[in-house]
Amino acid sequence: MPRYTRPANSEHAEDPINALGNRVRAMIIGYLREHPDSLRAEITAALDIPKATTAKALATLVEYGLVVPDPPRETATRGQWVRYRVEATAVSELYLQLGQVIGEV
């Protein structure tokens, strides 16, 4: 079984890297900053990425609290259009956390 290398005190880097360490997720955040309340189909078309990729990336961003669906997942019904927006405070906090880990802040 392979062992993953985890440097000492690296736990502060886990959340920002897992949440933001992907080009698709980063591009979705950027798109939603400029186009809040976008539908998944609009994001998919604008970024020219597969629907499944968009859905998976949005699910991860929602899980980390970086993107907020409206209506929320818990109340959305099948077939209902869901709009997404960036949770700016959460994005800023993770960005700051990553900056501290790499010594930028």
Protein backbone atom coordinates (compact mmCIF):
# COMPACT_ATOMS: atom_id res chain seq x y z
CA MET A 1 0.00 0.00 0.00
CA PRO A 2 1.51 3.38 -0.97
CA ARG A 3 2.24 5.91 1.74
CA TYR A 4 1.46 9.53 1.11
CA THR A 5 4.03 12.06 2.17
CA ARG A 6 2.70 14.59 4.65
CA PRO A 7 5.19 17.18 5.83
CA ALA A 8 5.08 18.24 9.48
CA ASN A 9 2.42 20.86 10.22
CA SER A 10 0.89 20.48 6.75
CA GLU A 11 -2.68 20.05 8.01
CA HIS A 12 -3.34 23.77 7.44
CA ALA A 13 -2.68 23.27 3.73
CA GLU A 14 -5.13 20.39 3.26
CA ASP A 15 -8.42 22.30 2.98
CA PRO A 16 -7.20 25.06 0.64
CA ILE A 17 -5.38 22.62 -1.61
CA ASN A 18 -8.28 20.16 -1.72
CA ALA A 19 -10.84 22.90 -2.34
CA LEU A 20 -8.94 25.21 -4.65
CA GLY A 21 -6.23 22.94 -6.09
CA ASN A 22 -8.01 22.27 -9.35
CA ARG A 23 -8.18 24.45 -12.47
CA VAL A 24 -11.85 23.74 -13.08
CA ARG A 25 -12.88 24.71 -9.55
CA ALA A 26 -10.72 27.84 -9.70
CA MET A 27 -12.25 28.84 -13.04
CA ILE A 28 -15.77 28.25 -11.71
CA ILE A 29 -15.07 30.51 -8.74
CA GLY A 30 -13.70 33.16 -11.08
CA TYR A 31 -16.69 32.87 -13.39
CA LEU A 32 -19.18 33.06 -10.54
CA ARG A 33 -17.47 36.15 -9.11
CA GLU A 34 -18.19 37.90 -12.41
CA HIS A 35 -21.54 36.18 -13.07
CA PRO A 36 -23.26 35.54 -9.74
CA ASP A 37 -26.44 33.49 -9.64
CA SER A 38 -25.51 31.44 -12.71
CA LEU A 39 -27.07 28.13 -13.59
CA ARG A 40 -24.90 25.03 -13.99
CA ALA A 41 -25.62 25.01 -17.74
CA GLU A 42 -24.42 28.61 -18.04
CA ILE A 43 -21.19 27.76 -16.23
CA THR A 44 -20.68 24.68 -18.41
CA ALA A 45 -21.19 26.64 -21.61
CA ALA A 46 -19.07 29.63 -20.58
CA LEU A 47 -16.11 27.49 -19.52
CA ASP A 48 -16.59 24.93 -22.31
CA ILE A 49 -16.32 21.94 -19.98
CA PRO A 50 -18.38 18.73 -19.76
CA LYS A 51 -21.61 18.79 -17.75
CA ALA A 52 -20.39 16.01 -15.45
CA THR A 53 -17.17 17.90 -14.73
CA THR A 54 -19.13 21.02 -13.84
CA ALA A 55 -21.48 19.06 -11.59
CA LYS A 56 -18.62 17.35 -9.74
CA ALA A 57 -16.68 20.60 -9.30
CA LEU A 58 -19.74 22.45 -8.05
CA ALA A 59 -20.49 19.66 -5.57
CA THR A 60 -16.95 19.97 -4.16
CA LEU A 61 -17.17 23.76 -3.97
CA VAL A 62 -20.55 23.54 -2.21
CA GLU A 63 -19.15 20.93 0.20
CA TYR A 64 -16.33 23.31 1.18
CA GLY A 65 -18.77 26.21 1.50
CA LEU A 66 -17.09 28.20 -1.27
CA VAL A 67 -20.15 28.23 -3.51
CA VAL A 68 -23.75 28.49 -2.35
CA PRO A 69 -26.64 26.95 -4.29
CA ASP A 70 -30.03 28.68 -4.41
CA PRO A 71 -32.22 26.94 -3.53
CA PRO A 72 -30.08 24.95 -1.09
CA ARG A 73 -29.50 21.26 -1.88
CA GLU A 74 -31.67 20.18 1.02
CA THR A 75 -34.75 21.97 -0.34
CA ALA A 76 -34.19 21.70 -4.10
CA THR A 77 -36.49 19.37 -5.98
CA ARG A 78 -35.50 17.24 -8.95
CA GLY A 79 -35.57 19.28 -12.13
CA GLN A 80 -35.54 22.60 -10.28
CA TRP A 81 -33.08 25.16 -11.62
CA VAL A 82 -30.37 25.92 -9.10
CA ARG A 83 -28.36 29.11 -9.24
CA TYR A 84 -24.87 29.33 -7.78
CA ARG A 85 -22.92 32.18 -6.24
CA VAL A 86 -19.55 32.52 -4.56
CA GLU A 87 -19.34 32.71 -0.77
CA ALA A 88 -16.67 35.42 -0.87
CA THR A 89 -15.76 35.26 2.81
CA ALA A 90 -15.10 31.51 2.68
CA VAL A 91 -12.99 31.86 -0.49
CA SER A 92 -10.96 34.68 1.07
CA GLU A 93 -10.38 32.67 4.25
CA LEU A 94 -9.09 29.62 2.36
CA TYR A 95 -6.96 31.80 0.10
CA LEU A 96 -5.47 33.49 3.17
CA GLN A 97 -4.87 30.11 4.81
CA LEU A 98 -2.98 28.89 1.74
CA GLY A 99 -1.01 32.15 1.64
CA GLN A 100 0.08 31.57 5.22
CA VAL A 101 1.19 28.03 4.47
CA ILE A 102 3.37 29.11 1.55
CA GLY A 103 4.69 32.18 3.35
CA GLU A 104 2.99 34.85 1.24
CA VAL A 105 1.01 36.31 4.11
